[in-house]
Amino acid sequence: MYIRYATYFTYPVLTGLLPIVISLLCSLFAYQNVRRLVRRQIPVARRRLDRQITAMCFIRVLAFICLAAPFCCYRMYAVNNPVSRSESLEFAIRQLVQVIFASIASLNFGISFYLFIISSSRFRHQVKFVLVKKCWKRWTCSCGFGNIQSTAENIKLNNLNIEPDNLNMELEEITNLTSPQ
């Protein structure tokens, strides 16, 4: 019973066809929206950005199909053609193939960022803005790199925990303690 369920429903429909169809429909809706925007009086820059987003959606769907389909096909094959553990070489080969296809399928979750970087100049500019302007500045401020003072006097004062306002008074006390009486 499970073999028929996995063969005809789980792998082909739930893990294969349904996500692909949903992604493809969303991409087609985005494409129709862009075509409708072309007919309207919308600025050229906005239309160009919409075309980039549509291209990103289609590239994402193609990557999803290419990365998810091999695992689904292999799982349907593996469920229908079981191998016993007594045949250790065949079992090991199938486990290796399954791990390879599962790894390829899991690339699906991380590859979107790189596909978007490659396919969209606007996305590249936004990533650069966020990483350089926002995150880098926040990191340098939180680590204290923003207020670096490298003079020898400031380093000595910081090591002695002396406030610059009280410098003269502190220096007099130090010289009084160290001078022979």
C-alpha atoms as a PDB file:
ATOM      1  CA  MET A   1       0.000   0.000   0.000  1.00  0.00           C
ATOM      2  CA  TYR A   2       2.782   2.457   0.928  1.00  0.00           C
ATOM      3  CA  ILE A   3       4.655   1.679  -2.278  1.00  0.00           C
ATOM      4  CA  ARG A   4       1.663   2.633  -4.405  1.00  0.00           C
ATOM      5  CA  TYR A   5       1.037   5.759  -2.315  1.00  0.00           C
ATOM      6  CA  ALA A   6       4.679   6.849  -2.543  1.00  0.00           C
ATOM      7  CA  THR A   7       4.936   5.972  -6.233  1.00  0.00           C
ATOM      8  CA  TYR A   8       1.771   7.653  -7.434  1.00  0.00           C
ATOM      9  CA  PHE A   9       1.205  10.473  -4.972  1.00  0.00           C
ATOM     10  CA  THR A  10       3.974  11.436  -2.545  1.00  0.00           C
ATOM     11  CA  TYR A  11       6.971  11.774  -4.846  1.00  0.00           C
ATOM     12  CA  PRO A  12       5.362  12.729  -8.145  1.00  0.00           C
ATOM     13  CA  VAL A  13       2.678  15.051  -6.748  1.00  0.00           C
ATOM     14  CA  LEU A  14       3.678  16.400  -3.333  1.00  0.00           C
ATOM     15  CA  THR A  15       7.422  16.705  -3.818  1.00  0.00           C
ATOM     16  CA  GLY A  16       7.552  17.049  -7.580  1.00  0.00           C
ATOM     17  CA  LEU A  17       4.600  18.351  -9.529  1.00  0.00           C
ATOM     18  CA  LEU A  18       2.740  20.482  -6.973  1.00  0.00           C
ATOM     19  CA  PRO A  19       5.648  22.776  -5.999  1.00  0.00           C
ATOM     20  CA  ILE A  20       6.690  23.104  -9.638  1.00  0.00           C
ATOM     21  CA  VAL A  21       3.153  24.009 -10.735  1.00  0.00           C
ATOM     22  CA  ILE A  22       2.740  26.549  -7.943  1.00  0.00           C
ATOM     23  CA  SER A  23       6.080  28.188  -8.761  1.00  0.00           C
ATOM     24  CA  LEU A  24       5.317  28.188 -12.466  1.00  0.00           C
ATOM     25  CA  LEU A  25       1.872  29.737 -11.929  1.00  0.00           C
ATOM     26  CA  CYS A  26       3.331  32.513  -9.794  1.00  0.00           C
ATOM     27  CA  SER A  27       5.944  33.200 -12.463  1.00  0.00           C
ATOM     28  CA  LEU A  28       3.293  33.280 -15.179  1.00  0.00           C
ATOM     29  CA  PHE A  29       1.201  35.712 -13.144  1.00  0.00           C
ATOM     30  CA  ALA A  30       4.261  37.930 -12.730  1.00  0.00           C
ATOM     31  CA  TYR A  31       4.894  37.732 -16.479  1.00  0.00           C
ATOM     32  CA  GLN A  32       1.287  38.724 -17.260  1.00  0.00           C
ATOM     33  CA  ASN A  33       1.572  41.594 -14.808  1.00  0.00           C
ATOM     34  CA  VAL A  34       4.703  42.870 -16.535  1.00  0.00           C
ATOM     35  CA  ARG A  35       3.075  42.614 -19.959  1.00  0.00           C
ATOM     36  CA  ARG A  36       0.102  44.575 -18.651  1.00  0.00           C
ATOM     37  CA  LEU A  37       2.454  47.204 -17.209  1.00  0.00           C
ATOM     38  CA  VAL A  38       4.146  47.640 -20.588  1.00  0.00           C
ATOM     39  CA  ARG A  39       0.852  48.784 -22.084  1.00  0.00           C
ATOM     40  CA  ARG A  40       0.340  51.400 -19.369  1.00  0.00           C
ATOM     41  CA  GLN A  41       2.160  54.673 -18.995  1.00  0.00           C
ATOM     42  CA  ILE A  42       4.719  53.594 -16.403  1.00  0.00           C
ATOM     43  CA  PRO A  43       8.267  54.923 -16.225  1.00  0.00           C
ATOM     44  CA  VAL A  44      10.867  52.962 -18.161  1.00  0.00           C
ATOM     45  CA  ALA A  45      12.942  52.285 -15.047  1.00  0.00           C
ATOM     46  CA  ARG A  46       9.983  50.666 -13.306  1.00  0.00           C
ATOM     47  CA  ARG A  47       9.250  48.476 -16.329  1.00  0.00           C
ATOM     48  CA  ARG A  48      12.888  47.421 -16.483  1.00  0.00           C
ATOM     49  CA  LEU A  49      12.822  46.437 -12.802  1.00  0.00           C
ATOM     50  CA  ASP A  50       9.612  44.484 -13.329  1.00  0.00           C
ATOM     51  CA  ARG A  51      11.217  42.621 -16.234  1.00  0.00           C
ATOM     52  CA  GLN A  52      14.174  41.775 -14.008  1.00  0.00           C
ATOM     53  CA  ILE A  53      11.869  40.423 -11.316  1.00  0.00           C
ATOM     54  CA  THR A  54      10.026  38.322 -13.886  1.00  0.00           C
ATOM     55  CA  ALA A  55      13.303  36.958 -15.220  1.00  0.00           C
ATOM     56  CA  MET A  56      14.351  36.146 -11.671  1.00  0.00           C
ATOM     57  CA  CYS A  57      11.108  34.215 -11.123  1.00  0.00           C
ATOM     58  CA  PHE A  58      11.528  32.181 -14.305  1.00  0.00           C
ATOM     59  CA  ILE A  59      15.168  31.405 -13.562  1.00  0.00           C
ATOM     60  CA  ARG A  60      14.146  30.317 -10.074  1.00  0.00           C
ATOM     61  CA  VAL A  61      11.484  27.968 -11.458  1.00  0.00           C
ATOM     62  CA  LEU A  62      13.923  26.455 -13.955  1.00  0.00           C
ATOM     63  CA  ALA A  63      16.490  25.895 -11.215  1.00  0.00           C
ATOM     64  CA  PHE A  64      13.808  24.346  -9.022  1.00  0.00           C
ATOM     65  CA  ILE A  65      12.803  21.917 -11.772  1.00  0.00           C
ATOM     66  CA  CYS A  66      16.399  20.973 -12.564  1.00  0.00           C
ATOM     67  CA  LEU A  67      17.335  20.452  -8.927  1.00  0.00           C
ATOM     68  CA  ALA A  68      14.184  18.770  -7.596  1.00  0.00           C
ATOM     69  CA  ALA A  69      13.240  16.454 -10.466  1.00  0.00           C
ATOM     70  CA  PRO A  70      16.201  14.038 -10.210  1.00  0.00           C
ATOM     71  CA  PHE A  71      15.528  13.315  -6.542  1.00  0.00           C
ATOM     72  CA  CYS A  72      11.816  12.734  -7.140  1.00  0.00           C
ATOM     73  CA  CYS A  73      12.514  10.406 -10.060  1.00  0.00           C
ATOM     74  CA  TYR A  74      15.127   8.469  -8.131  1.00  0.00           C
ATOM     75  CA  ARG A  75      12.856   8.062  -5.110  1.00  0.00           C
ATOM     76  CA  MET A  76      10.073   6.681  -7.310  1.00  0.00           C
ATOM     77  CA  TYR A  77      12.566   4.226  -8.790  1.00  0.00           C
ATOM     78  CA  ALA A  78      13.978   3.256  -5.374  1.00  0.00           C
ATOM     79  CA  VAL A  79      10.555   2.653  -3.847  1.00  0.00           C
ATOM     80  CA  ASN A  80       9.467   0.452  -6.760  1.00  0.00           C
ATOM     81  CA  ASN A  81      12.744  -1.487  -6.970  1.00  0.00           C
ATOM     82  CA  PRO A  82      13.823  -2.237  -3.412  1.00  0.00           C
ATOM     83  CA  VAL A  83      17.197  -3.813  -2.740  1.00  0.00           C
ATOM     84  CA  SER A  84      17.937  -6.003   0.256  1.00  0.00           C
ATOM     85  CA  ARG A  85      20.666  -5.168   2.736  1.00  0.00           C
ATOM     86  CA  SER A  86      22.308  -8.514   2.046  1.00  0.00           C
ATOM     87  CA  GLU A  87      23.434  -7.182  -1.330  1.00  0.00           C
ATOM     88  CA  SER A  88      25.800  -4.726   0.305  1.00  0.00           C
ATOM     89  CA  LEU A  89      27.434  -3.320  -2.839  1.00  0.00           C
ATOM     90  CA  GLU A  90      24.107  -2.577  -4.562  1.00  0.00           C
ATOM     91  CA  PHE A  91      22.728  -1.151  -1.316  1.00  0.00           C
ATOM     92  CA  ALA A  92      25.784   1.118  -0.867  1.00  0.00           C
ATOM     93  CA  ILE A  93      25.569   2.332  -4.466  1.00  0.00           C
ATOM     94  CA  ARG A  94      21.897   3.204  -4.049  1.00  0.00           C
ATOM     95  CA  GLN A  95      22.576   5.003  -0.784  1.00  0.00           C
ATOM     96  CA  LEU A  96      25.336   7.008  -2.480  1.00  0.00           C
ATOM     97  CA  VAL A  97      23.076   7.928  -5.398  1.00  0.00           C
ATOM     98  CA  GLN A  98      20.306   8.919  -3.002  1.00  0.00           C
ATOM     99  CA  VAL A  99      22.646  11.146  -0.985  1.00  0.00           C
ATOM    100  CA  ILE A 100      23.936  12.792  -4.165  1.00  0.00           C
ATOM    101  CA  PHE A 101      20.419  13.507  -5.443  1.00  0.00           C
ATOM    102  CA  ALA A 102      19.297  14.703  -2.003  1.00  0.00           C
ATOM    103  CA  SER A 103      22.278  17.069  -1.889  1.00  0.00           C
ATOM    104  CA  ILE A 104      21.410  18.403  -5.331  1.00  0.00           C
ATOM    105  CA  ALA A 105      17.795  18.870  -4.235  1.00  0.00           C
ATOM    106  CA  SER A 106      18.884  20.711  -1.093  1.00  0.00           C
ATOM    107  CA  LEU A 107      20.888  23.147  -3.233  1.00  0.00           C
ATOM    108  CA  ASN A 108      17.483  24.407  -4.250  1.00  0.00           C
ATOM    109  CA  PHE A 109      17.137  26.271  -0.966  1.00  0.00           C
ATOM    110  CA  GLY A 110      20.429  28.138  -1.138  1.00  0.00           C
ATOM    111  CA  ILE A 111      20.932  28.752  -4.817  1.00  0.00           C
ATOM    112  CA  SER A 112      18.260  31.437  -5.160  1.00  0.00           C
ATOM    113  CA  PHE A 113      20.549  34.116  -3.759  1.00  0.00           C
ATOM    114  CA  TYR A 114      23.267  33.345  -6.297  1.00  0.00           C
ATOM    115  CA  LEU A 115      20.818  33.109  -9.186  1.00  0.00           C
ATOM    116  CA  PHE A 116      19.375  36.489  -8.273  1.00  0.00           C
ATOM    117  CA  ILE A 117      22.854  38.014  -7.994  1.00  0.00           C
ATOM    118  CA  ILE A 118      23.673  36.727 -11.485  1.00  0.00           C
ATOM    119  CA  SER A 119      20.404  37.671 -13.161  1.00  0.00           C
ATOM    120  CA  SER A 120      19.509  41.081 -11.698  1.00  0.00           C
ATOM    121  CA  SER A 121      21.606  44.225 -11.538  1.00  0.00           C
ATOM    122  CA  ARG A 122      19.103  45.848  -9.183  1.00  0.00           C
ATOM    123  CA  PHE A 123      19.421  42.920  -6.758  1.00  0.00           C
ATOM    124  CA  ARG A 124      23.225  43.236  -6.894  1.00  0.00           C
ATOM    125  CA  HIS A 125      23.008  46.932  -6.051  1.00  0.00           C
ATOM    126  CA  GLN A 126      20.628  46.273  -3.164  1.00  0.00           C
ATOM    127  CA  VAL A 127      22.828  43.516  -1.734  1.00  0.00           C
ATOM    128  CA  LYS A 128      25.863  45.775  -1.962  1.00  0.00           C
ATOM    129  CA  PHE A 129      23.965  48.591  -0.278  1.00  0.00           C
ATOM    130  CA  VAL A 130      22.744  46.402   2.564  1.00  0.00           C
ATOM    131  CA  LEU A 131      26.053  44.649   3.185  1.00  0.00           C
ATOM    132  CA  VAL A 132      28.375  47.621   2.822  1.00  0.00           C
ATOM    133  CA  LYS A 133      26.320  50.555   3.957  1.00  0.00           C
ATOM    134  CA  LYS A 134      24.166  49.013   6.658  1.00  0.00           C
ATOM    135  CA  CYS A 135      25.821  45.876   8.060  1.00  0.00           C
ATOM    136  CA  TRP A 136      29.450  46.974   7.760  1.00  0.00           C
ATOM    137  CA  LYS A 137      28.805  50.321   9.455  1.00  0.00           C
ATOM    138  CA  ARG A 138      26.819  48.654  12.225  1.00  0.00           C
ATOM    139  CA  TRP A 139      29.572  46.089  12.750  1.00  0.00           C
ATOM    140  CA  THR A 140      32.376  48.647  12.857  1.00  0.00           C
ATOM    141  CA  CYS A 141      30.476  50.813  15.326  1.00  0.00           C
ATOM    142  CA  SER A 142      29.613  47.898  17.619  1.00  0.00           C
ATOM    143  CA  CYS A 143      33.208  46.628  17.611  1.00  0.00           C
ATOM    144  CA  GLY A 144      34.572  50.056  18.438  1.00  0.00           C
ATOM    145  CA  PHE A 145      36.480  50.559  15.198  1.00  0.00           C
ATOM    146  CA  GLY A 146      34.800  53.904  14.653  1.00  0.00           C
ATOM    147  CA  ASN A 147      36.635  55.731  17.471  1.00  0.00           C
ATOM    148  CA  ILE A 148      40.186  54.439  17.224  1.00  0.00           C
ATOM    149  CA  GLN A 149      42.760  56.767  18.751  1.00  0.00           C
ATOM    150  CA  SER A 150      46.285  55.555  18.361  1.00  0.00           C
ATOM    151  CA  THR A 151      48.415  58.186  20.033  1.00  0.00           C
ATOM    152  CA  ALA A 152      50.791  56.952  22.691  1.00  0.00           C
ATOM    153  CA  GLU A 153      49.384  59.346  25.284  1.00  0.00           C
ATOM    154  CA  ASN A 154      45.832  58.069  24.866  1.00  0.00           C
ATOM    155  CA  ILE A 155      47.009  54.473  25.128  1.00  0.00           C
ATOM    156  CA  LYS A 156      48.875  55.237  28.360  1.00  0.00           C
ATOM    157  CA  LEU A 157      45.882  57.102  29.746  1.00  0.00           C
ATOM    158  CA  ASN A 158      43.546  54.252  28.893  1.00  0.00           C
ATOM    159  CA  ASN A 159      45.848  51.728  30.554  1.00  0.00           C
ATOM    160  CA  LEU A 160      45.983  53.839  33.711  1.00  0.00           C
ATOM    161  CA  ASN A 161      42.223  54.588  33.627  1.00  0.00           C
ATOM    162  CA  ILE A 162      42.879  58.334  33.875  1.00  0.00           C
ATOM    163  CA  GLU A 163      40.457  60.920  32.580  1.00  0.00           C
ATOM    164  CA  PRO A 164      42.101  63.612  30.384  1.00  0.00           C
ATOM    165  CA  ASP A 165      40.587  66.373  32.554  1.00  0.00           C
ATOM    166  CA  ASN A 166      42.381  65.105  35.650  1.00  0.00           C
ATOM    167  CA  LEU A 167      45.663  64.468  33.830  1.00  0.00           C
ATOM    168  CA  ASN A 168      47.732  67.170  35.534  1.00  0.00           C
ATOM    169  CA  MET A 169      46.552  66.236  39.005  1.00  0.00           C
ATOM    170  CA  GLU A 170      47.173  62.537  38.375  1.00  0.00           C
ATOM    171  CA  LEU A 171      50.661  63.203  36.972  1.00  0.00           C
ATOM    172  CA  GLU A 172      51.577  65.228  40.074  1.00  0.00           C
ATOM    173  CA  GLU A 173      50.444  62.396  42.335  1.00  0.00           C
ATOM    174  CA  ILE A 174      52.439  59.852  40.335  1.00  0.00           C
ATOM    175  CA  THR A 175      55.595  61.971  40.402  1.00  0.00           C
ATOM    176  CA  ASN A 176      55.213  62.529  44.151  1.00  0.00           C
ATOM    177  CA  LEU A 177      54.910  58.798  44.773  1.00  0.00           C
ATOM    178  CA  THR A 178      57.873  57.850  42.613  1.00  0.00           C
ATOM    179  CA  SER A 179      60.280  60.634  43.602  1.00  0.00           C
ATOM    180  CA  PRO A 180      62.681  59.932  46.508  1.00  0.00           C
ATOM    181  CA  GLN A 181      61.938  61.976  49.570  1.00  0.00           C
END
